[in-house]
Amino acid sequence: MVTASENGTIRVWDLERTTELRRFTVRGDEAAERAAERGMKTVVAGLACTRLHGDVLIVGCAPDGSAWVRDLLSGEVRRRLSGLSSWESDLPVVCLEAQETAMAFVRSPAGVLRRWDLETGEWAYLEDVVDCMAVAISVQDGCTLVSLGYRDGRLQFRDPTTDAVVSSCRVGQGWVTAMAFTELDGLAVMVVGYADGSMELRDQLGGRLLARLNGHVEWIHFIAVTCVAGRPMVASSDSRGSVRLWALEEQSAGLEPPGHSSTVSAVACTVLNGAAVTLSVSHDHTGRVWDLASGKELLRLEGHTDWVEAAACATVAGLPVALTSGHDSTVRMWDLEQGVETGRIEAQYSTPLACGHLGGEPVALLGSRGNGVKLMSIWHLESQEIDAALGPLPPRSALAFALVDGRPLAVCAKNEGPGEDRLPVQLWDLTDYSFVGDLVASTRQVNTLACGTDGRNAVVVAGTADNGAEVWDLRTRQLRLRLGGGWVSDVELGLLDGFPVAITACRSALCLWDLRSGSLLHEIQMPVEPEAVALAPGGELVVGAGYEVVVLER
């Protein structure tokens, strides 16, 4: 086995004895020095091994797409390939031994692919290869092919010597970032990984979906195939450092069960026809409405053309509605009884949402787009008119709606200003659109905001990226409590047994806090990192974790 570390050290390992055989460094290479000048930790962006005339060679790729060939044992450089102007930390390299020679296929940061003859040093671009994200070697009908995965979900299989396209198919809906090939019960299959963390088992020839491998939640970087007890196994890794091992089994039925096929990004609870329901939205471009008692999917909200990131529920003209915000730069309103879209406005990219009442009328706070300016705006849900009066709103923001001494307030965390240690959370009076003040001691990044009461005073709880959740008194604008530490994805406030509580979704757990004293009441360890949490009317916790919507009962 050959490994590369961030400091440019290459190590060769004897796996049988679990000992290190050789070590050499590429830190002094020109490409490595250029990467260091740009502040990149990665010196080796890709590694592969091959044979040429009996010698075992290592092929390594730098972040600029340059590459080298070294002897496995001595570390001596045999050949070099020049790089390009752009940079990327992960670049796939695959090798192929064919016709008494060896070839390497090296992806460049721009998504183009080069074929490199390791004996002669000659290289050439593969024709019409743009936005290629993944490269692998496969076999079809006894012929070895180069397999390319593209940003638009296409797979392409090419002859490695002539560059002719042998076949192609379309898989999934997003970036193909990794793939591997094997056999399952005599059938040629492929495991395909995507940018949103999803993975699929597919028929290699036609691309037919055989099974879903759901568990990762972010970019799939690598997929490798091995064999355990005579059965194919797959190892995969994602951008969060998670490594998973999968036993491959074809699932001939139930491939499209009710539920999301990508990360659940937000959840909200409401009442529909007298029953408690929850709304979930996902990177699979959909929203779903679930009956909390039975777990049955009641409605599917389809229309967004990109990831859906935020959700809220409201009542308009006596009818329950849902609001959803997507990466397609729209906010949409849905009739929850019929599941149909009833309103839409152009919004900033993945704008935050918060719902409340202004003058007895239901409104939503969001970031709208108008004349090229992105503003913190008020969307009047009955008339569907927009008031844009609260100043600019950056894309990475958090919003909440509060009521303090009868005054409706907009609470806004604008996560901008790189390099600043602290960023304020702003308060705006929605009756006259005047600025009230800042919560000046807030931390550098606020992921989420939730407003409510601690039993005595109106408070806002800010879930931060590095300092847990902070509880602020909205009247005095003073910090009252700090709940835990580290990353908080989402926060919910409510009453349990008549006592005010806060629920925080952290890296690996849900935490229930006494909002009066700040003491931890209960901690629930989650097998998948919770991204979103909502408190249902009956006291259940609804959690978005990975691809799942989980209901936790007391």
Protein backbone atom coordinates (compact mmCIF):
# COMPACT_ATOMS: atom_id res chain seq x y z
CA MET A 1 0.00 0.00 0.00
CA VAL A 2 1.15 3.54 -0.77
CA THR A 3 -0.04 6.57 1.22
CA ALA A 4 0.58 10.32 1.03
CA SER A 5 0.31 12.78 3.92
CA GLU A 6 -0.28 16.53 3.91
CA ASN A 7 3.41 17.25 4.47
CA GLY A 8 4.30 15.62 1.14
CA THR A 9 5.63 12.38 2.58
CA ILE A 10 5.02 9.23 0.54
CA ARG A 11 5.11 5.95 2.46
CA VAL A 12 5.23 2.38 1.11
CA TRP A 13 3.81 -0.23 3.48
CA ASP A 14 4.09 -4.02 3.76
CA LEU A 15 0.48 -4.97 4.60
CA GLU A 16 1.34 -8.54 5.64
CA ARG A 17 3.84 -7.39 8.26
CA THR A 18 2.15 -3.97 8.83
CA THR A 19 5.53 -2.27 8.57
CA GLU A 20 6.82 0.69 6.61
CA LEU A 21 9.17 -0.27 3.77
CA ARG A 22 10.14 3.05 2.20
CA ARG A 23 9.61 6.75 2.71
CA PHE A 24 10.32 9.77 0.51
CA THR A 25 9.02 13.29 0.18
CA VAL A 26 7.73 15.47 -2.65
CA ARG A 27 7.62 18.66 -0.59
CA GLY A 28 10.55 20.13 -2.52
CA ASP A 29 8.91 19.67 -5.91
CA GLU A 30 8.00 22.83 -7.81
CA ALA A 31 4.28 21.98 -7.82
CA ALA A 32 4.41 21.32 -4.08
CA GLU A 33 6.07 24.66 -3.43
CA ARG A 34 3.46 26.45 -5.56
CA ALA A 35 0.68 24.71 -3.62
CA ALA A 36 2.25 25.81 -0.34
CA GLU A 37 2.48 29.40 -1.60
CA ARG A 38 -1.29 29.33 -2.14
CA GLY A 39 -1.90 28.07 1.38
CA MET A 40 -2.99 24.59 0.24
CA LYS A 41 -2.33 21.77 2.69
CA THR A 42 -2.59 19.10 0.03
CA VAL A 43 0.61 18.37 -1.87
CA VAL A 44 -0.46 15.06 -3.42
CA ALA A 45 -4.00 15.25 -4.82
CA GLY A 46 -4.11 11.71 -6.21
CA LEU A 47 -2.17 8.41 -6.15
CA ALA A 48 -2.14 5.20 -8.18
CA CYS A 49 0.19 2.26 -8.77
CA THR A 50 0.99 0.29 -11.91
CA ARG A 51 3.60 -1.96 -13.54
CA LEU A 52 5.83 -1.31 -16.53
CA HIS A 53 8.25 -4.00 -17.80
CA GLY A 54 8.25 -5.69 -14.41
CA ASP A 55 8.87 -2.52 -12.40
CA VAL A 56 6.27 -1.29 -9.92
CA LEU A 57 5.61 2.43 -10.29
CA ILE A 58 3.78 5.08 -8.28
CA VAL A 59 1.90 7.80 -10.15
CA GLY A 60 1.12 10.91 -8.14
CA CYS A 61 -0.83 14.03 -9.05
CA ALA A 62 -0.40 17.53 -7.60
CA PRO A 63 -3.27 20.01 -7.01
CA ASP A 64 -2.49 21.82 -10.30
CA GLY A 65 -2.88 18.62 -12.35
CA SER A 66 0.85 18.07 -12.77
CA ALA A 67 1.99 14.50 -12.17
CA TRP A 68 5.07 12.37 -11.62
CA VAL A 69 6.06 8.73 -11.97
CA ARG A 70 8.39 7.25 -9.34
CA ASP A 71 9.92 3.88 -8.73
CA LEU A 72 8.05 2.18 -5.87
CA LEU A 73 11.14 1.17 -3.89
CA SER A 74 13.69 3.89 -4.60
CA GLY A 75 11.36 6.85 -5.01
CA GLU A 76 13.37 7.91 -8.07
CA VAL A 77 11.44 10.14 -10.48
CA ARG A 78 11.01 8.52 -13.91
CA ARG A 79 8.80 11.09 -15.66
CA ARG A 80 6.94 14.34 -15.07
CA LEU A 81 3.76 15.82 -16.52
CA SER A 82 3.26 19.59 -16.56
CA GLY A 83 0.38 21.17 -14.66
CA LEU A 84 -2.27 23.78 -15.39
CA SER A 85 -3.09 27.16 -13.88
CA SER A 86 -6.03 26.25 -11.58
CA TRP A 87 -5.94 24.21 -8.37
CA GLU A 88 -8.00 21.49 -6.67
CA SER A 89 -7.24 19.37 -3.61
CA ASP A 90 -8.60 16.03 -4.90
CA LEU A 91 -7.84 14.83 -8.44
CA PRO A 92 -8.42 11.20 -9.44
CA VAL A 93 -5.58 9.28 -11.10
CA VAL A 94 -6.10 5.80 -12.59
CA CYS A 95 -3.61 3.53 -14.35
CA LEU A 96 -4.03 0.92 -17.04
CA GLU A 97 -1.55 -1.73 -18.24
CA ALA A 98 -2.16 -2.57 -21.89
CA GLN A 99 -0.21 -3.62 -25.00
CA GLU A 100 3.22 -3.82 -23.32
CA THR A 101 2.93 -0.33 -21.92
CA ALA A 102 1.23 1.54 -19.09
CA MET A 103 -1.03 4.56 -19.25
CA ALA A 104 -2.20 6.98 -16.59
CA PHE A 105 -5.36 9.06 -16.82
CA VAL A 106 -4.99 12.28 -14.86
CA ARG A 107 -7.90 14.65 -14.24
CA SER A 108 -7.12 18.36 -14.32
CA PRO A 109 -8.72 20.98 -12.04
CA ALA A 110 -10.78 22.33 -14.94
CA GLY A 111 -12.44 18.92 -15.39
CA VAL A 112 -10.50 17.90 -18.52
CA LEU A 113 -8.74 14.52 -18.67
CA ARG A 114 -5.27 13.68 -19.98
CA ARG A 115 -3.97 10.29 -21.17
CA TRP A 116 -0.29 9.88 -20.33
CA ASP A 117 1.94 7.15 -21.83
CA LEU A 118 4.25 6.25 -18.94
CA GLU A 119 6.89 4.70 -21.22
CA THR A 120 7.27 7.46 -23.83
CA GLY A 121 6.06 10.39 -21.74
CA GLU A 122 3.67 11.50 -24.48
CA TRP A 123 0.28 12.82 -23.43
CA ALA A 124 -2.93 14.12 -24.99
CA TYR A 125 -6.28 15.50 -23.89
CA LEU A 126 -9.27 13.22 -24.28
CA GLU A 127 -11.67 14.78 -26.74
CA ASP A 128 -14.82 16.61 -25.61
CA VAL A 129 -14.27 15.97 -21.91
CA VAL A 130 -15.63 18.89 -19.87
CA ASP A 131 -16.68 18.86 -16.21
CA CYS A 132 -15.40 15.32 -15.69
CA MET A 133 -15.47 14.72 -11.93
CA ALA A 134 -14.65 11.00 -11.58
CA VAL A 135 -12.42 8.53 -13.43
CA ALA A 136 -12.20 4.74 -13.10
CA ILE A 137 -11.25 1.62 -15.07
CA SER A 138 -13.97 -0.88 -15.99
CA VAL A 139 -14.42 -3.97 -18.18
CA GLN A 140 -17.23 -4.52 -20.68
CA ASP A 141 -17.47 -7.68 -22.81
CA GLY A 142 -13.85 -8.48 -22.03
CA CYS A 143 -12.61 -5.03 -23.09
CA THR A 144 -10.93 -2.69 -20.61
CA LEU A 145 -12.41 0.81 -20.75
CA VAL A 146 -11.90 4.20 -19.14
CA SER A 147 -15.04 5.30 -17.31
CA LEU A 148 -15.83 8.98 -16.86
CA GLY A 149 -18.37 10.52 -14.49
CA TYR A 150 -19.66 14.02 -15.27
CA ARG A 151 -21.16 16.91 -13.35
CA ASP A 152 -24.56 16.46 -15.03
CA GLY A 153 -24.96 12.80 -13.99
CA ARG A 154 -23.65 11.20 -17.20
CA LEU A 155 -21.37 8.18 -17.32
CA GLN A 156 -19.24 7.57 -20.38
CA PHE A 157 -17.14 4.51 -21.29
CA ARG A 158 -14.22 5.02 -23.69
CA ASP A 159 -11.62 2.90 -25.45
CA PRO A 160 -8.34 3.84 -23.72
CA THR A 161 -6.20 3.70 -26.86
CA THR A 162 -8.47 5.24 -29.52
CA ASP A 163 -10.51 7.53 -27.25
CA ALA A 164 -13.69 6.31 -28.96
CA VAL A 165 -16.91 6.39 -26.91
CA VAL A 166 -18.11 2.79 -26.53
CA SER A 167 -21.26 3.49 -24.51
CA SER A 168 -22.84 6.00 -22.16
CA CYS A 169 -25.77 6.31 -19.76
CA ARG A 170 -27.26 8.80 -17.33
CA VAL A 171 -27.42 8.06 -13.61
CA GLY A 172 -28.87 10.14 -10.77
CA GLN A 173 -29.47 13.89 -10.91
CA GLY A 174 -26.22 15.42 -9.71
CA TRP A 175 -22.45 15.39 -9.87
CA VAL A 176 -20.89 11.96 -10.20
CA THR A 177 -17.87 12.27 -7.90
CA ALA A 178 -16.65 8.66 -7.54
CA MET A 179 -17.34 5.20 -8.92
CA ALA A 180 -16.11 1.60 -8.79
CA PHE A 181 -16.93 -1.60 -10.67
CA THR A 182 -17.41 -5.24 -9.63
CA GLU A 183 -19.61 -8.32 -10.17
CA LEU A 184 -22.61 -9.38 -8.11
CA ASP A 185 -23.98 -12.89 -8.72
CA GLY A 186 -22.50 -12.84 -12.23
CA LEU A 187 -23.89 -9.40 -13.09
CA ALA A 188 -21.51 -6.55 -13.93
CA VAL A 189 -22.42 -3.73 -11.54
CA MET A 190 -21.13 -0.31 -10.58
CA VAL A 191 -21.28 1.73 -7.40
CA VAL A 192 -21.75 5.44 -8.13
CA GLY A 193 -21.22 8.26 -5.60
CA TYR A 194 -22.56 11.81 -5.84
CA ALA A 195 -21.78 15.27 -4.52
CA ASP A 196 -24.72 15.22 -2.07
CA GLY A 197 -23.42 12.09 -0.33
CA SER A 198 -25.82 9.63 -1.98
CA MET A 199 -24.59 6.34 -3.46
CA GLU A 200 -26.25 3.84 -5.78
CA LEU A 201 -25.70 0.30 -6.99
CA ARG A 202 -26.47 0.07 -10.73
CA ASP A 203 -26.31 -2.37 -13.62
CA GLN A 204 -23.11 -1.51 -15.47
CA LEU A 205 -24.45 -2.03 -18.99
CA GLY A 206 -27.72 -0.11 -18.88
CA GLY A 207 -27.42 1.92 -15.71
CA ARG A 208 -30.53 0.31 -14.16
CA LEU A 209 -30.89 1.14 -10.47
CA LEU A 210 -30.47 -1.93 -8.25
CA ALA A 211 -30.12 -0.49 -4.74
CA ARG A 212 -29.50 2.73 -2.81
CA LEU A 213 -26.65 3.01 -0.34
CA ASN A 214 -27.74 5.82 1.98
CA GLY A 215 -25.60 6.93 4.90
CA HIS A 216 -23.12 9.57 3.84
CA VAL A 217 -24.36 13.17 3.92
CA GLU A 218 -21.69 15.02 1.94
CA TRP A 219 -19.47 14.74 -1.14
CA ILE A 220 -18.31 11.17 -1.89
CA HIS A 221 -14.57 11.32 -2.53
CA PHE A 222 -13.52 7.70 -3.00
CA ILE A 223 -15.09 4.30 -3.60
CA ALA A 224 -13.10 1.05 -3.53
CA VAL A 225 -14.20 -2.56 -4.06
CA THR A 226 -12.93 -5.61 -2.19
CA CYS A 227 -14.15 -9.14 -1.43
CA VAL A 228 -15.05 -10.61 1.97
CA ALA A 229 -16.09 -14.26 2.36
CA GLY A 230 -16.62 -14.51 -1.37
CA ARG A 231 -18.96 -11.52 -1.57
CA PRO A 232 -18.16 -8.07 -3.00
CA MET A 233 -17.83 -5.31 -0.43
CA VAL A 234 -17.48 -1.57 -1.03
CA ALA A 235 -15.61 1.00 1.05
CA SER A 236 -16.46 4.68 0.64
CA SER A 237 -15.35 7.98 2.15
CA ASP A 238 -16.90 11.44 2.20
CA SER A 239 -15.74 15.01 2.73
CA ARG A 240 -16.46 14.87 6.48
CA GLY A 241 -13.94 12.06 6.94
CA SER A 242 -16.56 9.34 7.36
CA VAL A 243 -15.56 5.90 6.01
CA ARG A 244 -18.25 3.25 5.51
CA LEU A 245 -18.21 -0.41 4.50
CA TRP A 246 -21.11 -1.82 2.49
CA ALA A 247 -22.25 -5.38 1.75
CA LEU A 248 -23.69 -5.34 -1.76
CA GLU A 249 -27.08 -6.93 -2.27
CA GLU A 250 -29.46 -6.35 -5.12
CA GLN A 251 -32.85 -5.01 -4.00
CA SER A 252 -35.30 -5.97 -6.70
CA ALA A 253 -38.23 -4.32 -4.91
CA GLY A 254 -38.74 -1.23 -2.81
CA LEU A 255 -36.20 0.96 -4.58
CA GLU A 256 -38.47 3.97 -4.38
CA PRO A 257 -39.86 3.84 -0.83
CA PRO A 258 -41.64 6.89 0.53
CA GLY A 259 -38.98 9.20 1.82
CA HIS A 260 -36.16 11.44 0.76
CA SER A 261 -33.30 10.30 -1.46
CA SER A 262 -30.88 12.96 -0.24
CA THR A 263 -30.04 15.05 2.83
CA VAL A 264 -32.97 16.35 4.90
CA SER A 265 -32.13 20.01 5.50
CA ALA A 266 -35.10 21.36 7.51
CA VAL A 267 -38.23 20.21 9.36
CA ALA A 268 -41.28 22.05 10.72
CA CYS A 269 -44.47 20.95 12.48
CA THR A 270 -48.09 22.04 12.11
CA VAL A 271 -51.67 20.70 12.31
CA LEU A 272 -53.54 19.50 9.21
CA ASN A 273 -57.21 18.49 9.40
CA GLY A 274 -56.90 18.10 13.16
CA ALA A 275 -53.84 15.82 12.98
CA ALA A 276 -50.23 16.67 13.86
CA VAL A 277 -48.01 16.60 10.77
CA THR A 278 -44.44 17.46 9.96
CA LEU A 279 -42.97 19.08 6.87
CA SER A 280 -39.49 18.05 5.72
CA VAL A 281 -37.43 19.44 2.85
CA SER A 282 -34.38 17.94 1.22
CA HIS A 283 -31.55 18.23 -1.26
CA ASP A 284 -33.59 15.87 -3.47
CA HIS A 285 -35.56 19.01 -4.55
CA THR A 286 -38.75 17.99 -2.73
CA GLY A 287 -40.78 18.66 0.39
CA ARG A 288 -42.75 15.92 2.12
CA VAL A 289 -45.66 16.09 4.57
CA TRP A 290 -45.88 13.22 7.09
CA ASP A 291 -48.54 12.10 9.53
CA LEU A 292 -46.82 11.99 12.92
CA ALA A 293 -49.04 9.26 14.34
CA SER A 294 -48.65 6.71 11.53
CA GLY A 295 -45.46 7.83 9.82
CA LYS A 296 -47.32 7.82 6.51
CA GLU A 297 -46.30 10.21 3.75
CA LEU A 298 -49.33 12.39 3.02
CA LEU A 299 -48.06 14.80 0.37
CA ARG A 300 -45.07 15.37 -1.85
CA LEU A 301 -44.28 18.98 -2.76
CA GLU A 302 -42.53 18.98 -6.14
CA GLY A 303 -41.47 21.99 -8.17
CA HIS A 304 -38.09 23.22 -6.93
CA THR A 305 -35.29 22.59 -9.41
CA ASP A 306 -32.43 22.51 -6.90
CA TRP A 307 -31.73 21.76 -3.24
CA VAL A 308 -34.41 22.88 -0.79
CA GLU A 309 -32.78 24.31 2.34
CA ALA A 310 -35.40 26.05 4.52
CA ALA A 311 -39.03 25.44 5.49
CA ALA A 312 -41.72 27.07 7.61
CA CYS A 313 -45.44 26.60 8.25
CA ALA A 314 -48.17 29.24 8.55
CA THR A 315 -51.92 29.74 8.32
CA VAL A 316 -53.28 31.93 5.51
CA ALA A 317 -56.99 32.75 5.28
CA GLY A 318 -57.68 29.90 7.69
CA LEU A 319 -55.80 27.33 5.60
CA PRO A 320 -52.47 25.67 6.54
CA VAL A 321 -49.64 26.47 4.13
CA ALA A 322 -45.96 25.59 3.84
CA LEU A 323 -43.13 27.84 2.71
CA THR A 324 -39.98 26.41 1.16
CA SER A 325 -36.73 28.07 0.09
CA GLY A 326 -34.42 26.50 -2.47
CA HIS A 327 -31.09 26.89 -4.20
CA ASP A 328 -33.11 27.65 -7.35
CA SER A 329 -33.53 31.20 -5.94
CA THR A 330 -37.24 30.86 -5.28
CA VAL A 331 -39.46 30.80 -2.21
CA ARG A 332 -42.67 28.85 -2.80
CA MET A 333 -45.95 28.67 -0.88
CA TRP A 334 -47.94 25.41 -0.87
CA ASP A 335 -51.52 24.51 0.03
CA LEU A 336 -51.02 21.70 2.57
CA GLU A 337 -54.46 20.23 1.99
CA GLN A 338 -53.97 19.80 -1.76
CA GLY A 339 -50.18 19.72 -2.03
CA VAL A 340 -50.18 22.33 -4.80
CA GLU A 341 -48.08 25.45 -5.20
CA THR A 342 -50.09 28.63 -4.58
CA GLY A 343 -47.41 31.31 -4.69
CA ARG A 344 -43.84 31.96 -5.68
CA ILE A 345 -41.38 34.82 -5.51
CA GLU A 346 -37.83 35.31 -6.71
CA ALA A 347 -35.49 35.22 -3.73
CA GLN A 348 -31.83 35.34 -2.97
CA TYR A 349 -29.92 32.08 -3.31
CA SER A 350 -31.21 29.70 -0.59
CA THR A 351 -32.70 32.47 1.54
CA PRO A 352 -33.56 31.86 5.21
CA LEU A 353 -37.24 31.93 6.24
CA ALA A 354 -39.18 33.00 9.32
CA CYS A 355 -42.96 33.34 9.73
CA GLY A 356 -45.08 35.52 12.02
CA HIS A 357 -47.88 38.09 12.09
CA LEU A 358 -47.78 41.79 11.35
CA GLY A 359 -50.96 43.77 12.09
CA GLY A 360 -52.85 40.49 12.38
CA GLU A 361 -51.74 39.44 8.88
CA PRO A 362 -49.49 36.41 8.26
CA VAL A 363 -46.08 37.38 6.87
CA ALA A 364 -42.76 35.77 6.11
CA LEU A 365 -39.29 37.24 6.52
CA LEU A 366 -36.85 36.37 3.74
CA GLY A 367 -34.27 37.74 1.38
CA SER A 368 -35.85 38.88 -1.88
CA ARG A 369 -34.24 40.00 -5.12
CA GLY A 370 -35.05 43.26 -6.83
CA ASN A 371 -33.07 45.38 -9.28
CA GLY A 372 -29.96 43.35 -8.49
CA VAL A 373 -30.15 44.14 -4.76
CA LYS A 374 -30.81 41.43 -2.16
CA LEU A 375 -32.92 42.82 0.67
CA MET A 376 -34.31 41.53 3.93
CA SER A 377 -37.97 41.66 3.00
CA ILE A 378 -41.48 41.05 4.31
CA TRP A 379 -43.72 38.84 2.17
CA HIS A 380 -47.42 39.42 2.94
CA LEU A 381 -48.79 35.92 2.47
CA GLU A 382 -52.43 36.80 1.77
CA SER A 383 -51.81 39.52 -0.84
CA GLN A 384 -48.41 38.03 -1.85
CA GLU A 385 -46.94 41.51 -1.94
CA ILE A 386 -43.35 42.28 -0.95
CA ASP A 387 -42.07 45.03 1.33
CA ALA A 388 -38.31 45.37 0.98
CA ALA A 389 -37.36 47.84 3.63
CA LEU A 390 -34.84 46.34 6.08
CA GLY A 391 -31.56 46.69 4.22
CA PRO A 392 -29.27 44.21 2.45
CA LEU A 393 -29.23 40.56 3.48
CA PRO A 394 -26.13 38.45 2.66
CA PRO A 395 -26.62 34.89 1.38
CA ARG A 396 -25.32 33.24 4.56
CA SER A 397 -27.77 34.57 7.11
CA ALA A 398 -30.23 33.41 9.75
CA LEU A 399 -33.66 34.94 10.47
CA ALA A 400 -36.25 34.72 13.24
CA PHE A 401 -39.50 36.47 14.14
CA ALA A 402 -40.06 37.70 17.72
CA LEU A 403 -42.68 39.56 19.76
CA VAL A 404 -41.33 41.84 22.54
CA ASP A 405 -43.71 44.00 24.58
CA GLY A 406 -46.25 43.74 21.77
CA ARG A 407 -43.72 44.86 19.14
CA PRO A 408 -42.94 42.47 16.25
CA LEU A 409 -39.19 42.21 15.72
CA ALA A 410 -37.06 40.75 12.97
CA VAL A 411 -33.93 39.07 14.35
CA CYS A 412 -31.17 38.71 11.79
CA ALA A 413 -27.68 37.19 11.96
CA LYS A 414 -25.64 38.33 8.95
CA ASN A 415 -22.70 35.97 8.65
CA GLU A 416 -20.44 38.18 6.61
CA GLY A 417 -17.17 39.99 7.25
CA PRO A 418 -14.40 37.34 7.00
CA GLY A 419 -11.63 37.80 9.50
CA GLU A 420 -13.88 39.36 12.15
CA ASP A 421 -13.92 37.58 15.51
CA ARG A 422 -17.49 38.60 16.35
CA LEU A 423 -20.51 39.50 14.26
CA PRO A 424 -23.64 41.13 15.67
CA VAL A 425 -27.18 39.80 15.59
CA GLN A 426 -29.41 42.70 14.55
CA LEU A 427 -32.90 43.57 15.81
CA TRP A 428 -35.41 45.48 13.63
CA ASP A 429 -38.82 46.84 14.66
CA LEU A 430 -41.32 45.71 12.00
CA THR A 431 -43.95 48.30 12.89
CA ASP A 432 -41.89 51.22 11.57
CA TYR A 433 -38.91 49.35 10.02
CA SER A 434 -36.52 51.01 12.47
CA PHE A 435 -33.26 49.52 13.72
CA VAL A 436 -33.47 48.55 17.42
CA GLY A 437 -29.91 47.44 18.19
CA ASP A 438 -27.33 44.66 18.16
CA LEU A 439 -26.57 41.67 20.30
CA VAL A 440 -22.96 42.80 20.20
CA ALA A 441 -21.19 39.88 21.86
CA SER A 442 -22.34 37.20 19.44
CA THR A 443 -19.80 34.76 18.04
CA ARG A 444 -18.28 34.65 14.58
CA GLN A 445 -20.93 32.50 12.85
CA VAL A 446 -24.58 31.94 13.72
CA ASN A 447 -26.09 28.91 11.98
CA THR A 448 -29.66 29.26 13.21
CA LEU A 449 -31.97 31.45 15.33
CA ALA A 450 -35.09 30.62 17.34
CA CYS A 451 -37.27 33.03 19.35
CA GLY A 452 -39.61 32.34 22.26
CA THR A 453 -39.85 32.81 26.01
CA ASP A 454 -37.95 31.45 28.98
CA GLY A 455 -41.09 31.73 31.08
CA ARG A 456 -40.45 35.33 32.06
CA ASN A 457 -38.79 37.16 29.19
CA ALA A 458 -38.69 37.09 25.40
CA VAL A 459 -35.44 35.46 24.29
CA VAL A 460 -33.61 34.46 21.13
CA VAL A 461 -31.39 31.39 21.03
CA ALA A 462 -28.53 31.55 18.53
CA GLY A 463 -26.98 28.26 17.43
CA THR A 464 -23.35 28.99 16.62
CA ALA A 465 -20.63 27.27 14.65
CA ASP A 466 -18.12 27.15 17.49
CA ASN A 467 -19.66 28.16 20.81
CA GLY A 468 -22.79 26.10 21.36
CA ALA A 469 -26.13 27.92 21.68
CA GLU A 470 -26.37 31.38 23.23
CA VAL A 471 -29.56 32.63 24.96
CA TRP A 472 -30.16 36.39 24.75
CA ASP A 473 -32.76 38.55 26.49
CA LEU A 474 -34.45 40.47 23.66
CA ARG A 475 -35.56 43.33 25.89
CA THR A 476 -32.21 44.07 27.56
CA ARG A 477 -30.06 42.62 24.73
CA GLN A 478 -27.91 40.86 27.33
CA LEU A 479 -26.45 37.35 27.12
CA ARG A 480 -28.18 35.16 29.72
CA LEU A 481 -27.00 31.60 29.12
CA ARG A 482 -24.67 29.50 27.01
CA LEU A 483 -25.90 25.99 26.21
CA GLY A 484 -23.06 23.55 25.57
CA GLY A 485 -20.26 24.21 23.12
CA GLY A 486 -19.14 23.54 19.57
CA TRP A 487 -21.26 23.28 16.42
CA VAL A 488 -25.06 23.65 16.57
CA SER A 489 -26.99 22.95 13.35
CA ASP A 490 -30.49 23.86 14.54
CA VAL A 491 -32.39 25.09 17.60
CA GLU A 492 -36.04 24.73 18.67
CA LEU A 493 -37.87 26.30 21.62
CA GLY A 494 -41.07 25.10 23.30
CA LEU A 495 -42.79 23.83 26.42
CA LEU A 496 -42.54 20.35 27.90
CA ASP A 497 -44.73 19.65 30.95
CA GLY A 498 -45.31 23.40 31.13
CA PHE A 499 -41.60 24.23 31.43
CA PRO A 500 -39.68 26.21 28.76
CA VAL A 501 -37.00 24.15 27.02
CA ALA A 502 -34.52 24.48 24.18
CA ILE A 503 -33.50 21.62 21.90
CA THR A 504 -30.17 21.84 20.08
CA ALA A 505 -29.04 19.65 17.18
CA CYS A 506 -25.28 19.19 17.57
CA ARG A 507 -22.62 17.21 15.72
CA SER A 508 -23.67 13.81 17.04
CA ALA A 509 -26.52 14.37 19.48
CA LEU A 510 -29.76 16.11 20.39
CA CYS A 511 -29.61 18.02 23.66
CA LEU A 512 -32.62 19.10 25.73
CA TRP A 513 -31.99 22.13 27.97
CA ASP A 514 -33.86 23.85 30.80
CA LEU A 515 -34.25 27.35 29.37
CA ARG A 516 -34.53 28.95 32.83
CA SER A 517 -31.30 27.59 34.33
CA GLY A 518 -29.35 26.40 31.30
CA SER A 519 -28.96 22.89 32.74
CA LEU A 520 -28.84 19.87 30.46
CA LEU A 521 -31.95 17.74 30.95
CA HIS A 522 -31.35 14.97 28.44
CA GLU A 523 -28.93 14.00 25.67
CA ILE A 524 -29.79 11.65 22.81
CA GLN A 525 -26.88 10.25 20.79
CA MET A 526 -27.77 9.98 17.09
CA PRO A 527 -26.25 7.46 14.64
CA VAL A 528 -26.31 10.13 11.91
CA GLU A 529 -25.62 13.81 12.51
CA PRO A 530 -28.89 15.72 13.07
CA GLU A 531 -29.28 18.70 10.75
CA ALA A 532 -32.71 19.94 11.83
CA VAL A 533 -35.11 19.59 14.77
CA ALA A 534 -38.72 20.61 15.47
CA LEU A 535 -40.98 20.14 18.51
CA ALA A 536 -44.38 18.68 17.64
CA PRO A 537 -47.62 19.68 19.43
CA GLY A 538 -47.67 16.41 21.38
CA GLY A 539 -44.10 16.80 22.64
CA GLU A 540 -42.46 14.55 20.04
CA LEU A 541 -39.11 15.58 18.58
CA VAL A 542 -38.95 15.52 14.79
CA VAL A 543 -35.38 15.25 13.54
CA GLY A 544 -33.86 15.51 10.08
CA ALA A 545 -30.76 13.27 10.12
CA GLY A 546 -29.07 12.17 6.94
CA TYR A 547 -31.80 11.11 4.51
CA GLU A 548 -34.27 10.29 7.27
CA VAL A 549 -37.06 12.05 9.13
CA VAL A 550 -37.01 10.57 12.65
CA VAL A 551 -39.75 11.00 15.28
CA LEU A 552 -38.63 10.58 18.90
CA GLU A 553 -41.36 9.97 21.47
CA ARG A 554 -41.08 10.48 25.23
